[in-house]
Amino acid sequence: MNIVYEKIKPTGEIRIPKSILAKLGLKSGEKVRLKLTGKKVLIEPIKDPIKALRGMLKLDKKTAKEIIESPEFEPT
């Protein structure tokens, strides 16, 4: 168990050390869920299921271009 002490900034922000972020598999800009449990805050990573699938499907350039250019395609 890692115990870290941080000071709450005037804006209400706290710093999460890189070592803890690494153990959670988080990077700057990623989203987390904050859950209040009694007087504790639980921080959970939120992983985008679509991003998790990236790289699993191999397409040739022509097929990929057709998908991107189709009217149904909505980039995130």
Protein backbone atom coordinates (compact mmCIF):
# COMPACT_ATOMS: atom_id res chain seq x y z
CA MET A 1 0.00 0.00 0.00
CA ASN A 2 1.33 3.43 -0.96
CA ILE A 3 0.60 6.28 1.40
CA VAL A 4 1.22 9.78 0.09
CA TYR A 5 0.43 13.08 1.75
CA GLU A 6 -0.50 16.04 -0.41
CA LYS A 7 -1.70 19.54 0.36
CA ILE A 8 -5.00 20.76 -1.12
CA LYS A 9 -4.39 23.80 -3.30
CA PRO A 10 -6.56 26.94 -2.97
CA THR A 11 -8.36 25.85 -6.16
CA GLY A 12 -9.32 22.53 -4.52
CA GLU A 13 -6.87 20.53 -6.62
CA ILE A 14 -4.52 17.84 -5.37
CA ARG A 15 -1.46 16.39 -7.08
CA ILE A 16 -1.32 12.65 -7.75
CA PRO A 17 2.28 11.45 -7.88
CA LYS A 18 3.55 9.91 -11.13
CA SER A 19 4.29 6.64 -9.34
CA ILE A 20 0.61 6.23 -8.43
CA LEU A 21 -0.55 7.28 -11.90
CA ALA A 22 1.78 4.67 -13.39
CA LYS A 23 0.40 1.93 -11.14
CA LEU A 24 -3.13 2.89 -12.26
CA GLY A 25 -2.02 2.94 -15.90
CA LEU A 26 -3.02 6.59 -16.24
CA LYS A 27 -1.50 9.38 -18.29
CA SER A 28 -2.03 13.12 -18.30
CA GLY A 29 -5.39 14.09 -19.82
CA GLU A 30 -7.12 10.77 -19.18
CA LYS A 31 -10.40 10.70 -17.29
CA VAL A 32 -11.00 9.23 -13.84
CA ARG A 33 -14.09 8.58 -11.76
CA LEU A 34 -14.17 10.06 -8.24
CA LYS A 35 -16.44 8.13 -5.90
CA LEU A 36 -17.22 9.41 -2.41
CA THR A 37 -17.44 6.53 0.08
CA GLY A 38 -18.09 7.81 3.58
CA LYS A 39 -15.21 10.21 4.21
CA LYS A 40 -12.97 8.66 1.55
CA VAL A 41 -12.56 9.38 -2.15
CA LEU A 42 -11.96 6.45 -4.48
CA ILE A 43 -10.20 7.27 -7.76
CA GLU A 44 -10.90 4.83 -10.58
CA PRO A 45 -9.52 4.95 -14.12
CA ILE A 46 -12.11 5.27 -16.88
CA LYS A 47 -10.90 3.46 -19.97
CA ASP A 48 -12.51 4.21 -23.32
CA PRO A 49 -13.60 0.79 -24.67
CA ILE A 50 -13.12 1.97 -28.26
CA LYS A 51 -9.54 3.10 -27.62
CA ALA A 52 -8.83 -0.22 -25.92
CA LEU A 53 -9.71 -1.97 -29.19
CA ARG A 54 -7.38 0.15 -31.33
CA GLY A 55 -4.86 -1.89 -33.23
CA MET A 56 -6.79 -5.13 -32.94
CA LEU A 57 -8.36 -4.87 -36.40
CA LYS A 58 -5.95 -4.66 -39.30
CA LEU A 59 -7.29 -2.94 -42.40
CA ASP A 60 -5.63 -2.17 -45.68
CA LYS A 61 -5.35 1.54 -46.53
CA LYS A 62 -8.18 1.44 -49.09
CA THR A 63 -10.71 -0.07 -46.65
CA ALA A 64 -9.67 2.29 -43.85
CA LYS A 65 -10.07 5.29 -46.16
CA GLU A 66 -13.53 4.07 -47.27
CA ILE A 67 -14.64 3.76 -43.63
CA ILE A 68 -13.34 7.21 -42.68
CA GLU A 69 -14.93 8.84 -45.72
CA SER A 70 -18.32 7.13 -45.24
CA PRO A 71 -21.22 9.32 -44.03
CA GLU A 72 -21.74 7.05 -40.99
CA PHE A 73 -18.23 7.65 -39.62
CA GLU A 74 -18.17 9.96 -36.59
CA PRO A 75 -14.67 10.67 -35.25
CA THR A 76 -14.27 11.13 -31.48
